[in-house]
Each structure stands twice: as structure tokens, then as C-alpha cells.
Amino acid sequence: MADQDFKNKLQFKDPTEPEELILDNKKIMAISNVTNADKNDFTPLTDLINLRSLSMNRTHLYSLEGFPTLPKLRRLALSDNKLTGGLEALADAKLEKLIHLDLSGNKINDLSALEPLCNLPNLKHLSLFECPVTQKANYRDALLEMIPQLYSLDQHDR
């Protein structure tokens, strides 16, 4: 987690500057590992208030607890992690501008785990490719009913 490449990716003189951050393939495991930091070590996600796009694919994430409020975040990529639920952390973070969410390749097995996403008012595009939940009967119809603001699910329009 504390490797130098990771620290370099999260070092900003002006934390209001970055609009995009790609942390793919870094061993993060829990959001708290990128939100609680000594500012001399690296810039915590909580300080990146102008972030519009955040990619944390293949980061071994198993928990989103404590996801920071990122008021301008529009795109969040969390594919190929170990998430089974805990998505209420995204709703609690008040990600009101979030439009695109990629949860593909996670271990989400139950529709109820996705219910907190209905509290993301601008969520239009959701990807759940290769999540076990996609094998459930009537998965697509049930999810579109649960999250009425969705425009596309798994890259297929309503």
C-alpha cells in the first residue's frame, strides 16, 4: 500500500488542481487507506475536491466505508475488486453529480446490495458485467425499477 509509485500518484502541490485520478492496479483494499493520510506522505482523496473522474480498478478493494465527499465526481470506476456491498457509502458521500459507475467484476451477489444506488440522483450509467447478481432471474428489469434514473445498464439503453 505504501509503495513509492502509489505515493507519487497521490502527491499534489495544489489538491484543487486534479480533475482525474487513475489508481488502477494499486493495492488499496479499503477506501480508508486513501482518505486517512499524513499530508507529508500523500494527498488524501478527501482534499481532491475538484475530482471529476476516479478510477480504482483492480485495487483489491473490499470496502467503500468512509468514501469521501467529492462534489464534482461524475465518473467512478471500481471494476474487478472484491466488493460485495457497502454501496451506501457512495450515497452517504453525497455524490450528487455521479453519472457513470462501473462495478463490473465485483462479487455483488444480491440485488438488495445495489439498492443504495437509488440515492444517487444523477446516476445514468451503471455497469455490472461479470458480477454474480447479473445471473439472477429478471435482474435487469428489477434493477431498472429499483433505480429509475438509470438510462443504461451494462451498456444497454433502457
C-alpha atoms as a PDB file:
ATOM      1  CA  MET A   1       0.000   0.000   0.000  1.00  0.00           C
ATOM      2  CA  ALA A   2       2.781   2.448   0.796  1.00  0.00           C
ATOM      3  CA  ASP A   3       4.874   1.833  -2.315  1.00  0.00           C
ATOM      4  CA  GLN A   4       6.550   4.873  -3.834  1.00  0.00           C
ATOM      5  CA  ASP A   5       4.635   4.701  -7.122  1.00  0.00           C
ATOM      6  CA  PHE A   6       1.364   4.843  -5.193  1.00  0.00           C
ATOM      7  CA  LYS A   7       2.561   7.825  -3.147  1.00  0.00           C
ATOM      8  CA  ASN A   8       3.684   9.599  -6.303  1.00  0.00           C
ATOM      9  CA  LYS A   9       0.226   9.184  -7.858  1.00  0.00           C
ATOM     10  CA  LEU A  10      -1.295  10.924  -4.839  1.00  0.00           C
ATOM     11  CA  GLN A  11       1.120  13.840  -4.443  1.00  0.00           C
ATOM     12  CA  PHE A  12      -0.309  17.219  -5.396  1.00  0.00           C
ATOM     13  CA  LYS A  13       1.012  20.669  -4.516  1.00  0.00           C
ATOM     14  CA  ASP A  14      -2.471  22.035  -5.110  1.00  0.00           C
ATOM     15  CA  PRO A  15      -5.141  19.451  -4.234  1.00  0.00           C
ATOM     16  CA  THR A  16      -7.793  21.518  -6.027  1.00  0.00           C
ATOM     17  CA  GLU A  17      -5.988  21.021  -9.349  1.00  0.00           C
ATOM     18  CA  PRO A  18      -6.551  17.380 -10.403  1.00  0.00           C
ATOM     19  CA  GLU A  19      -9.806  16.545 -12.183  1.00  0.00           C
ATOM     20  CA  GLU A  20      -8.883  12.942 -12.987  1.00  0.00           C
ATOM     21  CA  LEU A  21      -7.096  10.321 -10.918  1.00  0.00           C
ATOM     22  CA  ILE A  22      -6.206   6.797 -12.014  1.00  0.00           C
ATOM     23  CA  LEU A  23      -5.141   4.413  -9.264  1.00  0.00           C
ATOM     24  CA  ASP A  24      -5.691   1.198 -11.219  1.00  0.00           C
ATOM     25  CA  ASN A  25      -3.684  -1.851 -10.137  1.00  0.00           C
ATOM     26  CA  LYS A  26      -2.597  -0.303  -6.818  1.00  0.00           C
ATOM     27  CA  LYS A  27      -3.192  -2.446  -3.734  1.00  0.00           C
ATOM     28  CA  ILE A  28      -5.570  -0.132  -1.866  1.00  0.00           C
ATOM     29  CA  MET A  29      -8.005  -2.650  -0.306  1.00  0.00           C
ATOM     30  CA  ALA A  30     -10.098  -0.116   1.674  1.00  0.00           C
ATOM     31  CA  ILE A  31     -11.076   3.483   0.940  1.00  0.00           C
ATOM     32  CA  SER A  32      -9.757   4.478   4.354  1.00  0.00           C
ATOM     33  CA  ASN A  33      -6.259   3.739   3.015  1.00  0.00           C
ATOM     34  CA  VAL A  34      -6.543   6.701   0.619  1.00  0.00           C
ATOM     35  CA  THR A  35      -8.587   9.065   2.781  1.00  0.00           C
ATOM     36  CA  ASN A  36      -6.629   8.951   6.043  1.00  0.00           C
ATOM     37  CA  ALA A  37      -3.101  10.096   5.372  1.00  0.00           C
ATOM     38  CA  ASP A  38      -0.332  12.185   6.757  1.00  0.00           C
ATOM     39  CA  LYS A  39      -0.247  15.043   4.259  1.00  0.00           C
ATOM     40  CA  ASN A  40       3.542  14.731   4.103  1.00  0.00           C
ATOM     41  CA  ASP A  41       3.072  11.167   2.882  1.00  0.00           C
ATOM     42  CA  PHE A  42       0.439  11.775   0.180  1.00  0.00           C
ATOM     43  CA  THR A  43      -2.629  13.882  -0.536  1.00  0.00           C
ATOM     44  CA  PRO A  44      -5.767  12.204   0.836  1.00  0.00           C
ATOM     45  CA  LEU A  45      -8.725  11.771  -1.515  1.00  0.00           C
ATOM     46  CA  THR A  46     -10.794  13.995   0.766  1.00  0.00           C
ATOM     47  CA  ASP A  47      -8.712  17.001  -0.358  1.00  0.00           C
ATOM     48  CA  LEU A  48      -9.269  16.454  -4.094  1.00  0.00           C
ATOM     49  CA  ILE A  49     -12.482  18.483  -4.217  1.00  0.00           C
ATOM     50  CA  ASN A  50     -12.444  19.127  -7.983  1.00  0.00           C
ATOM     51  CA  LEU A  51     -12.037  15.490  -8.973  1.00  0.00           C
ATOM     52  CA  ARG A  52     -14.424  14.608 -11.820  1.00  0.00           C
ATOM     53  CA  SER A  53     -13.159  11.114 -12.636  1.00  0.00           C
ATOM     54  CA  LEU A  54     -11.722   8.486 -10.303  1.00  0.00           C
ATOM     55  CA  SER A  55     -10.551   5.061 -11.422  1.00  0.00           C
ATOM     56  CA  MET A  56      -9.671   2.383  -8.891  1.00  0.00           C
ATOM     57  CA  ASN A  57      -9.950  -0.770 -10.983  1.00  0.00           C
ATOM     58  CA  ARG A  58      -8.162  -3.922  -9.785  1.00  0.00           C
ATOM     59  CA  THR A  59      -7.153  -2.390  -6.446  1.00  0.00           C
ATOM     60  CA  HIS A  60      -8.295  -5.282  -4.203  1.00  0.00           C
ATOM     61  CA  LEU A  61     -10.993  -3.014  -2.721  1.00  0.00           C
ATOM     62  CA  TYR A  62     -13.264  -4.835  -0.317  1.00  0.00           C
ATOM     63  CA  SER A  63     -14.728  -1.794   1.484  1.00  0.00           C
ATOM     64  CA  LEU A  64     -16.034   1.622   0.462  1.00  0.00           C
ATOM     65  CA  GLU A  65     -16.692   2.671   4.057  1.00  0.00           C
ATOM     66  CA  GLY A  66     -15.791   6.323   4.540  1.00  0.00           C
ATOM     67  CA  PHE A  67     -15.920   7.184   0.833  1.00  0.00           C
ATOM     68  CA  PRO A  68     -15.145  10.916   0.684  1.00  0.00           C
ATOM     69  CA  THR A  69     -17.498  13.658  -0.418  1.00  0.00           C
ATOM     70  CA  LEU A  70     -16.246  14.564  -3.882  1.00  0.00           C
ATOM     71  CA  PRO A  71     -18.799  17.162  -5.017  1.00  0.00           C
ATOM     72  CA  LYS A  72     -17.788  17.225  -8.695  1.00  0.00           C
ATOM     73  CA  LEU A  73     -17.253  13.488  -9.238  1.00  0.00           C
ATOM     74  CA  ARG A  74     -19.057  12.356 -12.393  1.00  0.00           C
ATOM     75  CA  ARG A  75     -17.329   9.058 -13.209  1.00  0.00           C
ATOM     76  CA  LEU A  76     -16.266   6.324 -10.787  1.00  0.00           C
ATOM     77  CA  ALA A  77     -14.630   3.089 -11.949  1.00  0.00           C
ATOM     78  CA  LEU A  78     -14.353   0.317  -9.356  1.00  0.00           C
ATOM     79  CA  SER A  79     -14.234  -2.762 -11.565  1.00  0.00           C
ATOM     80  CA  ASP A  80     -12.519  -6.052 -10.758  1.00  0.00           C
ATOM     81  CA  ASN A  81     -12.392  -5.596  -6.998  1.00  0.00           C
ATOM     82  CA  LYS A  82     -13.767  -7.623  -4.082  1.00  0.00           C
ATOM     83  CA  LEU A  83     -16.843  -5.557  -3.270  1.00  0.00           C
ATOM     84  CA  THR A  84     -19.923  -7.465  -2.132  1.00  0.00           C
ATOM     85  CA  GLY A  85     -21.967  -4.487  -0.965  1.00  0.00           C
ATOM     86  CA  GLY A  86     -21.445  -1.427   1.201  1.00  0.00           C
ATOM     87  CA  LEU A  87     -22.666   0.842  -1.579  1.00  0.00           C
ATOM     88  CA  GLU A  88     -24.491   3.022   0.939  1.00  0.00           C
ATOM     89  CA  ALA A  89     -21.055   4.622   1.422  1.00  0.00           C
ATOM     90  CA  LEU A  90     -21.448   6.179  -2.038  1.00  0.00           C
ATOM     91  CA  ALA A  91     -24.883   7.563  -1.193  1.00  0.00           C
ATOM     92  CA  ASP A  92     -23.616   8.814   2.184  1.00  0.00           C
ATOM     93  CA  ALA A  93     -20.801  10.644   0.371  1.00  0.00           C
ATOM     94  CA  LYS A  94     -23.414  12.759  -1.423  1.00  0.00           C
ATOM     95  CA  LEU A  95     -22.035  12.055  -4.897  1.00  0.00           C
ATOM     96  CA  GLU A  96     -24.858  14.076  -6.425  1.00  0.00           C
ATOM     97  CA  LYS A  97     -23.115  14.624  -9.766  1.00  0.00           C
ATOM     98  CA  LEU A  98     -22.121  10.986 -10.283  1.00  0.00           C
ATOM     99  CA  ILE A  99     -23.330   9.863 -13.731  1.00  0.00           C
ATOM    100  CA  HIS A 100     -21.199   6.773 -14.552  1.00  0.00           C
ATOM    101  CA  LEU A 101     -20.488   3.946 -12.107  1.00  0.00           C
ATOM    102  CA  ASP A 102     -18.593   0.810 -13.110  1.00  0.00           C
ATOM    103  CA  LEU A 103     -18.820  -2.061 -10.630  1.00  0.00           C
ATOM    104  CA  SER A 104     -18.073  -4.805 -13.165  1.00  0.00           C
ATOM    105  CA  GLY A 105     -16.213  -7.868 -11.979  1.00  0.00           C
ATOM    106  CA  ASN A 106     -17.037  -7.434  -8.300  1.00  0.00           C
ATOM    107  CA  LYS A 107     -18.594 -10.043  -6.026  1.00  0.00           C
ATOM    108  CA  ILE A 108     -22.015  -8.392  -5.768  1.00  0.00           C
ATOM    109  CA  ASN A 109     -24.450 -11.260  -5.443  1.00  0.00           C
ATOM    110  CA  ASP A 110     -27.717  -9.700  -4.344  1.00  0.00           C
ATOM    111  CA  LEU A 111     -29.995  -7.017  -5.782  1.00  0.00           C
ATOM    112  CA  SER A 112     -30.533  -5.542  -2.321  1.00  0.00           C
ATOM    113  CA  ALA A 113     -26.812  -4.658  -2.199  1.00  0.00           C
ATOM    114  CA  LEU A 114     -27.459  -2.274  -5.111  1.00  0.00           C
ATOM    115  CA  GLU A 115     -30.449  -0.526  -3.534  1.00  0.00           C
ATOM    116  CA  PRO A 116     -28.418   2.381  -2.059  1.00  0.00           C
ATOM    117  CA  LEU A 117     -27.627   3.470  -5.627  1.00  0.00           C
ATOM    118  CA  CYS A 118     -31.186   4.775  -5.961  1.00  0.00           C
ATOM    119  CA  ASN A 119     -29.992   7.651  -3.726  1.00  0.00           C
ATOM    120  CA  LEU A 120     -27.569   8.887  -6.392  1.00  0.00           C
ATOM    121  CA  PRO A 121     -29.915  11.279  -8.232  1.00  0.00           C
ATOM    122  CA  ASN A 122     -27.874  11.708 -11.426  1.00  0.00           C
ATOM    123  CA  LEU A 123     -26.657   8.135 -11.869  1.00  0.00           C
ATOM    124  CA  LYS A 124     -27.432   7.348 -15.517  1.00  0.00           C
ATOM    125  CA  HIS A 125     -24.982   4.591 -16.479  1.00  0.00           C
ATOM    126  CA  LEU A 126     -24.241   1.506 -14.381  1.00  0.00           C
ATOM    127  CA  SER A 127     -22.051  -1.449 -15.360  1.00  0.00           C
ATOM    128  CA  LEU A 128     -22.211  -4.746 -13.501  1.00  0.00           C
ATOM    129  CA  PHE A 129     -20.683  -7.090 -16.084  1.00  0.00           C
ATOM    130  CA  GLU A 130     -19.422 -10.349 -14.562  1.00  0.00           C
ATOM    131  CA  CYS A 131     -20.991  -9.722 -11.146  1.00  0.00           C
ATOM    132  CA  PRO A 132     -22.891 -12.771  -9.833  1.00  0.00           C
ATOM    133  CA  VAL A 133     -26.037 -10.648  -9.433  1.00  0.00           C
ATOM    134  CA  THR A 134     -26.374 -10.456 -13.226  1.00  0.00           C
ATOM    135  CA  GLN A 135     -27.254 -14.168 -13.256  1.00  0.00           C
ATOM    136  CA  LYS A 136     -30.414 -13.609 -11.198  1.00  0.00           C
ATOM    137  CA  ALA A 137     -33.779 -14.027 -12.912  1.00  0.00           C
ATOM    138  CA  ASN A 138     -35.236 -10.681 -14.021  1.00  0.00           C
ATOM    139  CA  TYR A 139     -32.068  -8.906 -12.851  1.00  0.00           C
ATOM    140  CA  ARG A 140     -32.267  -6.185 -15.479  1.00  0.00           C
ATOM    141  CA  ASP A 141     -35.954  -5.352 -15.032  1.00  0.00           C
ATOM    142  CA  ALA A 142     -35.702  -5.408 -11.246  1.00  0.00           C
ATOM    143  CA  LEU A 143     -32.681  -3.118 -11.213  1.00  0.00           C
ATOM    144  CA  LEU A 144     -34.182  -0.626 -13.664  1.00  0.00           C
ATOM    145  CA  GLU A 145     -37.272  -0.466 -11.483  1.00  0.00           C
ATOM    146  CA  MET A 146     -35.184  -0.080  -8.315  1.00  0.00           C
ATOM    147  CA  ILE A 147     -33.018   2.687  -9.812  1.00  0.00           C
ATOM    148  CA  PRO A 148     -35.421   4.592 -12.086  1.00  0.00           C
ATOM    149  CA  GLN A 149     -32.934   7.320 -13.009  1.00  0.00           C
ATOM    150  CA  LEU A 150     -30.725   4.824 -14.902  1.00  0.00           C
ATOM    151  CA  TYR A 151     -30.501   5.400 -18.621  1.00  0.00           C
ATOM    152  CA  SER A 152     -28.280   2.424 -19.369  1.00  0.00           C
ATOM    153  CA  LEU A 153     -27.385  -0.794 -17.599  1.00  0.00           C
ATOM    154  CA  ASP A 154     -24.404  -2.848 -18.751  1.00  0.00           C
ATOM    155  CA  GLN A 155     -24.089  -0.587 -21.806  1.00  0.00           C
ATOM    156  CA  HIS A 156     -27.633  -1.321 -22.981  1.00  0.00           C
ATOM    157  CA  ASP A 157     -30.115   1.528 -23.030  1.00  0.00           C
ATOM    158  CA  ARG A 158     -33.364   1.197 -21.187  1.00  0.00           C
END
